[in-house]
Amino acid sequence: MRRRALTILIPLLLVAAAFARSGPTFDSQAEQQIFQLVNRERHSRGLSTLVFDERLQRAARKHSLLMADTGEVEHQLAGEPKLSLRLGEVALRYDVSGENVARTSGAARAHTALMNSPGHRANILDAQFNAIGIGVVDTPDGIYVTQDFARRLPTASVDDAEMRVALNLDRLRKAIGLTPWPRIPAPELRNRACKMAERDNLNPKAGLLSTKISNSVAFTAIDLTQVPESLERLKISPSSAFSVGACYRASATYDNPVFWVIVVTYF
């Protein structure tokens, strides 16, 4: 997954009493104002507007709150998970993400400064993103702003993932004039797929359940509409049927959960 995270610190016009004495408040009006300004910029350039995602907002607010508490404007503060893990914590399925952070005196000023910074501007105008969450914390020292961007993927269950893989394999065989194989249920393959995730290791041999199996492939998938090369190779296997097992897990390699998939074919 590609990630881009950028920071901007804008000098404040006023320095007020210490933040700790009055405590933070979320500024929902500023959040909406920034959201509208971001989409106005995108619309004026013919880009699709972003959807406001409450899960991204939760992640952004949590980060802004921590910045306000520490007085630091950073993407990863002491003891805090990195961005990919924070988005995973709010159960967001995505394959591209980015983040802008700032401290300034108001919403309009924050937006102007971010647009005048090439890296931050690139996040705001990135055509790959389709969702945003904005967290603004108001303090006596100004507002702390976090913009979390992502390309959200459709919600999918393990059943959905297995069905999508099966349909892709059927389509691959039809495209070269071959009859699709019947699909045989194999619930034990799910457990084997989860074992791969636990070990953080793709292992096609994990699908070898019996001597009746002619071939076995394993892969990870974020976007289920994409067909992996290993499935392309499997389409011409001399077989009579197939089974699919999937597991949705994070691992040492994948901070955000992905589908771990095993496909086997039978003699």
C-alpha atoms as a PDB file:
ATOM      1  CA  MET A   1       0.000   0.000   0.000  1.00  0.00           C
ATOM      2  CA  ARG A   2       1.325   3.431  -0.826  1.00  0.00           C
ATOM      3  CA  ARG A   3       1.256   5.900   2.040  1.00  0.00           C
ATOM      4  CA  ARG A   4       2.098   9.579   2.041  1.00  0.00           C
ATOM      5  CA  ALA A   5       2.151  11.601   5.247  1.00  0.00           C
ATOM      6  CA  LEU A   6       3.043  15.271   5.470  1.00  0.00           C
ATOM      7  CA  THR A   7       3.303  17.822   8.232  1.00  0.00           C
ATOM      8  CA  ILE A   8       2.881  21.566   8.281  1.00  0.00           C
ATOM      9  CA  LEU A   9       3.382  23.878  11.233  1.00  0.00           C
ATOM     10  CA  ILE A  10       2.043  27.387  10.739  1.00  0.00           C
ATOM     11  CA  PRO A  11       3.133  30.210  13.077  1.00  0.00           C
ATOM     12  CA  LEU A  12       0.302  31.330  15.317  1.00  0.00           C
ATOM     13  CA  LEU A  13      -0.796  34.926  15.571  1.00  0.00           C
ATOM     14  CA  LEU A  14      -1.740  34.565  19.201  1.00  0.00           C
ATOM     15  CA  VAL A  15      -0.419  32.473  22.074  1.00  0.00           C
ATOM     16  CA  ALA A  16      -2.990  31.961  24.818  1.00  0.00           C
ATOM     17  CA  ALA A  17      -3.105  30.171  28.158  1.00  0.00           C
ATOM     18  CA  ALA A  18      -1.686  26.670  28.423  1.00  0.00           C
ATOM     19  CA  PHE A  19      -3.802  23.979  26.743  1.00  0.00           C
ATOM     20  CA  ALA A  20      -3.745  21.713  29.759  1.00  0.00           C
ATOM     21  CA  ARG A  21      -5.660  24.217  31.873  1.00  0.00           C
ATOM     22  CA  SER A  22      -8.741  24.397  29.666  1.00  0.00           C
ATOM     23  CA  GLY A  23      -8.793  21.049  27.860  1.00  0.00           C
ATOM     24  CA  PRO A  24      -9.600  20.238  24.227  1.00  0.00           C
ATOM     25  CA  THR A  25     -12.800  20.510  22.249  1.00  0.00           C
ATOM     26  CA  PHE A  26     -13.540  19.043  18.835  1.00  0.00           C
ATOM     27  CA  ASP A  27     -14.496  21.763  16.358  1.00  0.00           C
ATOM     28  CA  SER A  28     -17.043  20.061  14.090  1.00  0.00           C
ATOM     29  CA  GLN A  29     -17.778  23.347  12.299  1.00  0.00           C
ATOM     30  CA  ALA A  30     -14.114  23.719  11.340  1.00  0.00           C
ATOM     31  CA  GLU A  31     -14.016  20.077  10.250  1.00  0.00           C
ATOM     32  CA  GLN A  32     -16.948  20.624   7.898  1.00  0.00           C
ATOM     33  CA  GLN A  33     -15.486  23.885   6.603  1.00  0.00           C
ATOM     34  CA  ILE A  34     -12.190  22.191   5.737  1.00  0.00           C
ATOM     35  CA  PHE A  35     -14.066  19.290   4.148  1.00  0.00           C
ATOM     36  CA  GLN A  36     -16.005  21.688   1.914  1.00  0.00           C
ATOM     37  CA  LEU A  37     -12.850  23.597   0.985  1.00  0.00           C
ATOM     38  CA  VAL A  38     -11.050  20.368   0.030  1.00  0.00           C
ATOM     39  CA  ASN A  39     -13.919  19.223  -2.186  1.00  0.00           C
ATOM     40  CA  ARG A  40     -14.227  22.671  -3.747  1.00  0.00           C
ATOM     41  CA  GLU A  41     -10.579  22.442  -4.796  1.00  0.00           C
ATOM     42  CA  ARG A  42     -11.070  18.977  -6.249  1.00  0.00           C
ATOM     43  CA  HIS A  43     -14.299  19.835  -8.053  1.00  0.00           C
ATOM     44  CA  SER A  44     -12.736  22.925  -9.657  1.00  0.00           C
ATOM     45  CA  ARG A  45     -10.096  20.667 -11.220  1.00  0.00           C
ATOM     46  CA  GLY A  46     -12.489  18.012 -12.478  1.00  0.00           C
ATOM     47  CA  LEU A  47     -11.593  15.519  -9.750  1.00  0.00           C
ATOM     48  CA  SER A  48     -14.150  13.387  -7.958  1.00  0.00           C
ATOM     49  CA  THR A  49     -15.162  14.766  -4.579  1.00  0.00           C
ATOM     50  CA  LEU A  50     -14.263  12.865  -1.427  1.00  0.00           C
ATOM     51  CA  VAL A  51     -16.763  11.105   0.808  1.00  0.00           C
ATOM     52  CA  PHE A  52     -16.607  12.043   4.480  1.00  0.00           C
ATOM     53  CA  ASP A  53     -15.875   8.798   6.308  1.00  0.00           C
ATOM     54  CA  GLU A  54     -16.673   8.586  10.032  1.00  0.00           C
ATOM     55  CA  ARG A  55     -14.024   5.910  10.579  1.00  0.00           C
ATOM     56  CA  LEU A  56     -11.362   8.153   9.094  1.00  0.00           C
ATOM     57  CA  GLN A  57     -12.722  10.986  11.215  1.00  0.00           C
ATOM     58  CA  ARG A  58     -12.304   8.895  14.372  1.00  0.00           C
ATOM     59  CA  ALA A  59      -8.690   8.191  13.462  1.00  0.00           C
ATOM     60  CA  ALA A  60      -8.054  11.838  12.577  1.00  0.00           C
ATOM     61  CA  ARG A  61      -9.677  13.172  15.748  1.00  0.00           C
ATOM     62  CA  LYS A  62      -7.710  10.778  17.917  1.00  0.00           C
ATOM     63  CA  HIS A  63      -4.469  11.947  16.336  1.00  0.00           C
ATOM     64  CA  SER A  64      -5.358  15.642  16.594  1.00  0.00           C
ATOM     65  CA  LEU A  65      -6.242  15.141  20.252  1.00  0.00           C
ATOM     66  CA  LEU A  66      -2.850  13.589  20.909  1.00  0.00           C
ATOM     67  CA  MET A  67      -1.086  16.428  19.066  1.00  0.00           C
ATOM     68  CA  ALA A  68      -2.988  18.969  21.136  1.00  0.00           C
ATOM     69  CA  ASP A  69      -2.165  17.122  24.338  1.00  0.00           C
ATOM     70  CA  THR A  70       1.563  17.053  23.580  1.00  0.00           C
ATOM     71  CA  GLY A  71       1.825  20.336  21.694  1.00  0.00           C
ATOM     72  CA  GLU A  72       3.634  18.506  18.869  1.00  0.00           C
ATOM     73  CA  VAL A  73       2.696  18.463  15.197  1.00  0.00           C
ATOM     74  CA  GLU A  74       3.870  15.082  13.949  1.00  0.00           C
ATOM     75  CA  HIS A  75       2.470  12.008  12.199  1.00  0.00           C
ATOM     76  CA  GLN A  76       3.556   9.518  14.828  1.00  0.00           C
ATOM     77  CA  LEU A  77       3.915  10.618  18.423  1.00  0.00           C
ATOM     78  CA  ALA A  78       5.538   8.711  21.260  1.00  0.00           C
ATOM     79  CA  GLY A  79       3.656   5.478  21.955  1.00  0.00           C
ATOM     80  CA  GLU A  80       1.297   5.971  19.012  1.00  0.00           C
ATOM     81  CA  PRO A  81       0.861   3.433  16.180  1.00  0.00           C
ATOM     82  CA  LYS A  82       1.794   4.495  12.664  1.00  0.00           C
ATOM     83  CA  LEU A  83      -0.930   5.644  10.267  1.00  0.00           C
ATOM     84  CA  SER A  84      -1.610   2.243   8.667  1.00  0.00           C
ATOM     85  CA  LEU A  85      -2.259   0.660  12.058  1.00  0.00           C
ATOM     86  CA  ARG A  86      -4.444   3.565  13.174  1.00  0.00           C
ATOM     87  CA  LEU A  87      -6.629   3.118  10.096  1.00  0.00           C
ATOM     88  CA  GLY A  88      -6.739  -0.616  10.736  1.00  0.00           C
ATOM     89  CA  GLU A  89      -7.963   0.056  14.272  1.00  0.00           C
ATOM     90  CA  VAL A  90     -11.090   1.752  12.891  1.00  0.00           C
ATOM     91  CA  ALA A  91     -11.823  -1.266  10.623  1.00  0.00           C
ATOM     92  CA  LEU A  92     -11.269   0.555   7.340  1.00  0.00           C
ATOM     93  CA  ARG A  93     -10.529  -1.504   4.222  1.00  0.00           C
ATOM     94  CA  TYR A  94      -8.269   0.522   1.941  1.00  0.00           C
ATOM     95  CA  ASP A  95      -5.246   0.200  -0.320  1.00  0.00           C
ATOM     96  CA  VAL A  96      -3.911   3.773  -0.497  1.00  0.00           C
ATOM     97  CA  SER A  97      -3.684   6.285   2.335  1.00  0.00           C
ATOM     98  CA  GLY A  98      -2.186   9.661   3.183  1.00  0.00           C
ATOM     99  CA  GLU A  99      -2.208  12.222   5.943  1.00  0.00           C
ATOM    100  CA  ASN A 100      -1.802  15.981   6.402  1.00  0.00           C
ATOM    101  CA  VAL A 101      -1.363  17.578   9.820  1.00  0.00           C
ATOM    102  CA  ALA A 102      -1.187  21.228  10.819  1.00  0.00           C
ATOM    103  CA  ARG A 103      -1.527  23.725  13.654  1.00  0.00           C
ATOM    104  CA  THR A 104      -2.830  27.212  12.931  1.00  0.00           C
ATOM    105  CA  SER A 105      -5.392  29.822  13.935  1.00  0.00           C
ATOM    106  CA  GLY A 106      -8.412  28.772  11.862  1.00  0.00           C
ATOM    107  CA  ALA A 107      -9.891  26.425   9.262  1.00  0.00           C
ATOM    108  CA  ALA A 108      -9.521  28.712   6.234  1.00  0.00           C
ATOM    109  CA  ARG A 109      -5.931  29.571   7.174  1.00  0.00           C
ATOM    110  CA  ALA A 110      -5.080  25.850   7.546  1.00  0.00           C
ATOM    111  CA  HIS A 111      -6.549  25.031   4.135  1.00  0.00           C
ATOM    112  CA  THR A 112      -4.696  27.882   2.406  1.00  0.00           C
ATOM    113  CA  ALA A 113      -1.391  26.894   3.952  1.00  0.00           C
ATOM    114  CA  LEU A 114      -1.840  23.225   3.031  1.00  0.00           C
ATOM    115  CA  MET A 115      -2.721  24.116  -0.568  1.00  0.00           C
ATOM    116  CA  ASN A 116       0.377  26.335  -0.785  1.00  0.00           C
ATOM    117  CA  SER A 117       2.609  23.417   0.236  1.00  0.00           C
ATOM    118  CA  PRO A 118       3.315  21.102  -2.744  1.00  0.00           C
ATOM    119  CA  GLY A 119       3.282  17.851  -0.780  1.00  0.00           C
ATOM    120  CA  HIS A 120       0.108  18.630   1.143  1.00  0.00           C
ATOM    121  CA  ARG A 121      -1.549  19.920  -2.009  1.00  0.00           C
ATOM    122  CA  ALA A 122      -0.716  16.603  -3.697  1.00  0.00           C
ATOM    123  CA  ASN A 123      -2.623  14.713  -0.991  1.00  0.00           C
ATOM    124  CA  ILE A 124      -5.643  17.005  -1.279  1.00  0.00           C
ATOM    125  CA  LEU A 125      -5.713  16.629  -5.076  1.00  0.00           C
ATOM    126  CA  ASP A 126      -4.747  12.955  -5.332  1.00  0.00           C
ATOM    127  CA  ALA A 127      -7.168  11.317  -7.771  1.00  0.00           C
ATOM    128  CA  GLN A 128      -6.687   7.909  -6.126  1.00  0.00           C
ATOM    129  CA  PHE A 129      -8.354   8.946  -2.873  1.00  0.00           C
ATOM    130  CA  ASN A 130     -12.122   8.614  -2.534  1.00  0.00           C
ATOM    131  CA  ALA A 131     -12.610   9.302   1.197  1.00  0.00           C
ATOM    132  CA  ILE A 132     -11.434  11.683   3.896  1.00  0.00           C
ATOM    133  CA  GLY A 133     -11.784  12.105   7.627  1.00  0.00           C
ATOM    134  CA  ILE A 134     -10.935  15.375   9.352  1.00  0.00           C
ATOM    135  CA  GLY A 135     -10.204  15.906  13.009  1.00  0.00           C
ATOM    136  CA  VAL A 136      -9.917  19.427  14.434  1.00  0.00           C
ATOM    137  CA  VAL A 137      -9.159  20.090  18.088  1.00  0.00           C
ATOM    138  CA  ASP A 138      -9.609  23.641  19.342  1.00  0.00           C
ATOM    139  CA  THR A 139      -7.200  24.855  22.027  1.00  0.00           C
ATOM    140  CA  PRO A 140      -6.168  28.261  23.388  1.00  0.00           C
ATOM    141  CA  ASP A 141      -3.035  27.946  21.232  1.00  0.00           C
ATOM    142  CA  GLY A 142      -5.009  27.435  18.016  1.00  0.00           C
ATOM    143  CA  ILE A 143      -6.469  24.461  16.195  1.00  0.00           C
ATOM    144  CA  TYR A 144      -4.736  21.156  15.559  1.00  0.00           C
ATOM    145  CA  VAL A 145      -5.796  19.661  12.228  1.00  0.00           C
ATOM    146  CA  THR A 146      -5.482  16.123  10.872  1.00  0.00           C
ATOM    147  CA  GLN A 147      -6.678  15.132   7.412  1.00  0.00           C
ATOM    148  CA  ASP A 148      -6.685  11.367   6.824  1.00  0.00           C
ATOM    149  CA  PHE A 149      -7.171  10.290   3.210  1.00  0.00           C
ATOM    150  CA  ALA A 150      -7.795   6.825   1.799  1.00  0.00           C
ATOM    151  CA  ARG A 151      -9.024   4.902  -1.170  1.00  0.00           C
ATOM    152  CA  ARG A 152     -11.747   2.846   0.501  1.00  0.00           C
ATOM    153  CA  LEU A 153     -12.483  -0.629  -0.756  1.00  0.00           C
ATOM    154  CA  PRO A 154     -15.914  -2.267  -0.632  1.00  0.00           C
ATOM    155  CA  THR A 155     -16.699  -4.169   2.537  1.00  0.00           C
ATOM    156  CA  ALA A 156     -16.345  -7.898   1.922  1.00  0.00           C
ATOM    157  CA  SER A 157     -16.750 -10.962   4.114  1.00  0.00           C
ATOM    158  CA  VAL A 158     -14.676 -14.145   3.854  1.00  0.00           C
ATOM    159  CA  ASP A 159     -17.626 -15.736   1.998  1.00  0.00           C
ATOM    160  CA  ASP A 160     -17.598 -12.801  -0.437  1.00  0.00           C
ATOM    161  CA  ALA A 161     -13.846 -13.185  -0.966  1.00  0.00           C
ATOM    162  CA  GLU A 162     -14.099 -16.890  -1.714  1.00  0.00           C
ATOM    163  CA  MET A 163     -16.982 -16.297  -4.102  1.00  0.00           C
ATOM    164  CA  ARG A 164     -15.075 -13.538  -5.922  1.00  0.00           C
ATOM    165  CA  VAL A 165     -12.008 -15.765  -6.355  1.00  0.00           C
ATOM    166  CA  ALA A 166     -14.213 -18.574  -7.671  1.00  0.00           C
ATOM    167  CA  LEU A 167     -15.923 -16.246 -10.146  1.00  0.00           C
ATOM    168  CA  ASN A 168     -12.555 -14.931 -11.329  1.00  0.00           C
ATOM    169  CA  LEU A 169     -11.324 -18.468 -11.963  1.00  0.00           C
ATOM    170  CA  ASP A 170     -14.529 -19.322 -13.842  1.00  0.00           C
ATOM    171  CA  ARG A 171     -14.127 -16.208 -15.989  1.00  0.00           C
ATOM    172  CA  LEU A 172     -10.466 -16.983 -16.747  1.00  0.00           C
ATOM    173  CA  ARG A 173     -11.350 -20.446 -18.035  1.00  0.00           C
ATOM    174  CA  LYS A 174     -14.286 -19.211 -20.104  1.00  0.00           C
ATOM    175  CA  ALA A 175     -12.052 -16.566 -21.697  1.00  0.00           C
ATOM    176  CA  ILE A 176      -9.840 -19.267 -23.224  1.00  0.00           C
ATOM    177  CA  GLY A 177     -12.729 -21.542 -24.236  1.00  0.00           C
ATOM    178  CA  LEU A 178     -12.554 -23.936 -21.279  1.00  0.00           C
ATOM    179  CA  THR A 179     -15.483 -25.155 -19.220  1.00  0.00           C
ATOM    180  CA  PRO A 180     -15.501 -23.837 -15.618  1.00  0.00           C
ATOM    181  CA  TRP A 181     -14.793 -26.450 -12.956  1.00  0.00           C
ATOM    182  CA  PRO A 182     -17.370 -27.264 -10.272  1.00  0.00           C
ATOM    183  CA  ARG A 183     -16.503 -25.815  -6.887  1.00  0.00           C
ATOM    184  CA  ILE A 184     -16.257 -28.222  -3.939  1.00  0.00           C
ATOM    185  CA  PRO A 185     -16.772 -26.860  -0.381  1.00  0.00           C
ATOM    186  CA  ALA A 186     -13.628 -27.252   1.758  1.00  0.00           C
ATOM    187  CA  PRO A 187     -14.080 -25.430   5.105  1.00  0.00           C
ATOM    188  CA  GLU A 188     -10.710 -26.705   6.351  1.00  0.00           C
ATOM    189  CA  LEU A 189      -8.979 -24.478   3.787  1.00  0.00           C
ATOM    190  CA  ARG A 190     -10.047 -21.411   5.775  1.00  0.00           C
ATOM    191  CA  ASN A 191      -8.117 -22.664   8.786  1.00  0.00           C
ATOM    192  CA  ARG A 192      -5.080 -23.278   6.610  1.00  0.00           C
ATOM    193  CA  ALA A 193      -5.347 -19.785   5.146  1.00  0.00           C
ATOM    194  CA  CYS A 194      -5.463 -18.321   8.667  1.00  0.00           C
ATOM    195  CA  LYS A 195      -2.380 -20.351   9.600  1.00  0.00           C
ATOM    196  CA  MET A 196      -0.543 -18.708   6.710  1.00  0.00           C
ATOM    197  CA  ALA A 197      -1.527 -15.293   8.082  1.00  0.00           C
ATOM    198  CA  GLU A 198      -0.401 -16.207  11.601  1.00  0.00           C
ATOM    199  CA  ARG A 199       2.974 -17.291  10.226  1.00  0.00           C
ATOM    200  CA  ASP A 200       3.073 -14.344   7.797  1.00  0.00           C
ATOM    201  CA  ASN A 201       4.086 -16.757   5.071  1.00  0.00           C
ATOM    202  CA  LEU A 202       2.395 -17.708   1.802  1.00  0.00           C
ATOM    203  CA  ASN A 203       2.592 -21.464   1.481  1.00  0.00           C
ATOM    204  CA  PRO A 204       0.849 -23.160  -1.472  1.00  0.00           C
ATOM    205  CA  LYS A 205       1.626 -26.551   0.092  1.00  0.00           C
ATOM    206  CA  ALA A 206      -0.760 -25.630   2.915  1.00  0.00           C
ATOM    207  CA  GLY A 207      -3.570 -26.565   0.540  1.00  0.00           C
ATOM    208  CA  LEU A 208      -2.323 -30.106  -0.069  1.00  0.00           C
ATOM    209  CA  LEU A 209      -4.971 -31.909   1.937  1.00  0.00           C
ATOM    210  CA  SER A 210      -4.917 -35.226   0.088  1.00  0.00           C
ATOM    211  CA  THR A 211      -3.416 -37.112  -2.836  1.00  0.00           C
ATOM    212  CA  LYS A 212      -6.492 -36.197  -4.893  1.00  0.00           C
ATOM    213  CA  ILE A 213      -5.255 -32.598  -5.226  1.00  0.00           C
ATOM    214  CA  SER A 214      -3.572 -31.814  -8.535  1.00  0.00           C
ATOM    215  CA  ASN A 215      -2.422 -28.262  -7.814  1.00  0.00           C
ATOM    216  CA  SER A 216      -2.467 -25.602  -5.080  1.00  0.00           C
ATOM    217  CA  VAL A 217      -1.772 -21.856  -5.122  1.00  0.00           C
ATOM    218  CA  ALA A 218      -1.727 -19.220  -2.380  1.00  0.00           C
ATOM    219  CA  PHE A 219      -1.842 -15.426  -2.534  1.00  0.00           C
ATOM    220  CA  THR A 220      -2.903 -12.314  -0.641  1.00  0.00           C
ATOM    221  CA  ALA A 221      -5.486  -9.857  -1.948  1.00  0.00           C
ATOM    222  CA  ILE A 222      -6.543  -6.360  -0.965  1.00  0.00           C
ATOM    223  CA  ASP A 223      -8.663  -5.522  -3.992  1.00  0.00           C
ATOM    224  CA  LEU A 224     -10.694  -8.613  -4.868  1.00  0.00           C
ATOM    225  CA  THR A 225     -11.346  -7.360  -8.402  1.00  0.00           C
ATOM    226  CA  GLN A 226      -7.651  -7.857  -9.243  1.00  0.00           C
ATOM    227  CA  VAL A 227      -6.653 -11.303 -10.517  1.00  0.00           C
ATOM    228  CA  PRO A 228      -3.269 -12.516  -9.208  1.00  0.00           C
ATOM    229  CA  GLU A 229      -0.768 -14.116 -11.561  1.00  0.00           C
ATOM    230  CA  SER A 230      -0.900 -17.411  -9.668  1.00  0.00           C
ATOM    231  CA  LEU A 231      -4.631 -17.744 -10.434  1.00  0.00           C
ATOM    232  CA  GLU A 232      -3.926 -16.991 -14.092  1.00  0.00           C
ATOM    233  CA  ARG A 233      -1.532 -19.948 -14.171  1.00  0.00           C
ATOM    234  CA  LEU A 234      -4.008 -22.234 -12.431  1.00  0.00           C
ATOM    235  CA  LYS A 235      -6.674 -21.831 -15.121  1.00  0.00           C
ATOM    236  CA  ILE A 236      -5.023 -24.386 -17.435  1.00  0.00           C
ATOM    237  CA  SER A 237      -4.334 -26.981 -14.740  1.00  0.00           C
ATOM    238  CA  PRO A 238      -5.457 -30.505 -15.840  1.00  0.00           C
ATOM    239  CA  SER A 239      -8.152 -30.808 -13.185  1.00  0.00           C
ATOM    240  CA  SER A 240     -11.810 -31.681 -12.672  1.00  0.00           C
ATOM    241  CA  ALA A 241     -12.867 -29.431  -9.742  1.00  0.00           C
ATOM    242  CA  PHE A 242     -11.557 -26.829  -7.285  1.00  0.00           C
ATOM    243  CA  SER A 243     -11.955 -25.402  -3.756  1.00  0.00           C
ATOM    244  CA  VAL A 244     -11.225 -22.004  -2.206  1.00  0.00           C
ATOM    245  CA  GLY A 245     -10.366 -21.010   1.350  1.00  0.00           C
ATOM    246  CA  ALA A 246      -9.815 -17.451   2.609  1.00  0.00           C
ATOM    247  CA  CYS A 247      -8.949 -15.676   5.855  1.00  0.00           C
ATOM    248  CA  TYR A 248      -9.017 -11.924   6.596  1.00  0.00           C
ATOM    249  CA  ARG A 249      -6.082 -11.084   8.860  1.00  0.00           C
ATOM    250  CA  ALA A 250      -3.293  -8.600   9.522  1.00  0.00           C
ATOM    251  CA  SER A 251       0.261  -9.866   9.893  1.00  0.00           C
ATOM    252  CA  ALA A 252       3.808  -8.681  10.431  1.00  0.00           C
ATOM    253  CA  THR A 253       3.941  -7.753   6.740  1.00  0.00           C
ATOM    254  CA  TYR A 254       0.426  -6.343   6.440  1.00  0.00           C
ATOM    255  CA  ASP A 255      -0.496  -3.752   9.078  1.00  0.00           C
ATOM    256  CA  ASN A 256      -3.987  -3.495   7.643  1.00  0.00           C
ATOM    257  CA  PRO A 257      -5.809  -6.841   7.218  1.00  0.00           C
ATOM    258  CA  VAL A 258      -5.764  -8.516   3.811  1.00  0.00           C
ATOM    259  CA  PHE A 259      -7.330 -11.670   2.450  1.00  0.00           C
ATOM    260  CA  TRP A 260      -5.063 -14.716   2.576  1.00  0.00           C
ATOM    261  CA  VAL A 261      -6.306 -17.170  -0.050  1.00  0.00           C
ATOM    262  CA  ILE A 262      -5.657 -20.798  -0.949  1.00  0.00           C
ATOM    263  CA  VAL A 263      -7.062 -22.380  -4.127  1.00  0.00           C
ATOM    264  CA  VAL A 264      -6.713 -26.116  -4.822  1.00  0.00           C
ATOM    265  CA  THR A 265      -7.665 -28.179  -7.853  1.00  0.00           C
ATOM    266  CA  TYR A 266      -8.471 -31.896  -7.939  1.00  0.00           C
ATOM    267  CA  PHE A 267      -7.624 -34.726 -10.337  1.00  0.00           C
END
